[in-house]
């Protein structure tokens, strides 16, 4: 005979409603005891200690996603702020460069305005508006012409020294051939000993030369050359160049002196044309 047939005849399991009522009664009793005497505080603490690690494990992915989202949001904000600051810095640098250029130009204009007057000469301020595109010549166009009393052949200077000579005049503009042009020359004399020589252009705005220099000429590096005024074009005493070096001859009996122009040739926009003073 099977074991199931040997079970007590009158043993019956509790019904679902009975079990539910029993469990509900037990819960109500426990709630009343906890509310009255705090009987379940120790059980709650122990239960919390058991399930806390599981809670942290379940919460960690959500916290990670939240922190990652915040990181990328802050990163994007910082990138936009950096780009904005870079643009502002570029604009400020451009404005600073413009301000420095205007300040330098203003200082040069004040210097030109304060140049001492030459006897019998009047100064006509001019601005360089265009440079000649021919690579074999050194010429510029200024915004003063015959309407302003400019005539051909007059010297052009800046606050530091000789620049060139007016070679062609138009009604509202004039052509100035720079001293560094290969076809330009100016009679000068050394400030140290008064030796008279001829300085010529080399086609380079930063260099001049003295050709056919006597081997025994008393000319040294560092000597300042001033216009001698012997040609009747350039007034005497205008700073022209500084001697850089003396090149000894190789295949001819003459030496050569390499000089640096003292005027801001190819650098400044404003110059002065020296005109003969008008007399009544």
Foldseek 3Di string as FASTA:
>chain_A
DDPVVVDDPPDDDDDPVVVVVVVVVVVVVVVVCCVVPVPCPVVVVVVCVVCVVVVCVVCVVVVVVVVVVVVVVVVVVVVVVVVVVVVVVVVVVVVVVVVVVVVVQVVQVVLQVPDDDDVQKDKDKWFFDAFDPDLQFGKTKTQAFVCNVDDFLWWKAGSFFTFFTFHAGDHGMTMTGGQQHQPHKAWKAWPVPRHIFIKGHDSDLFKIKTPQAAPPDPDAAQTWIWGCCPVVHDHTDTTFWGWHHKAQDDPDRGIMTMTTGRTPHPHHGMMITIGGDDDD
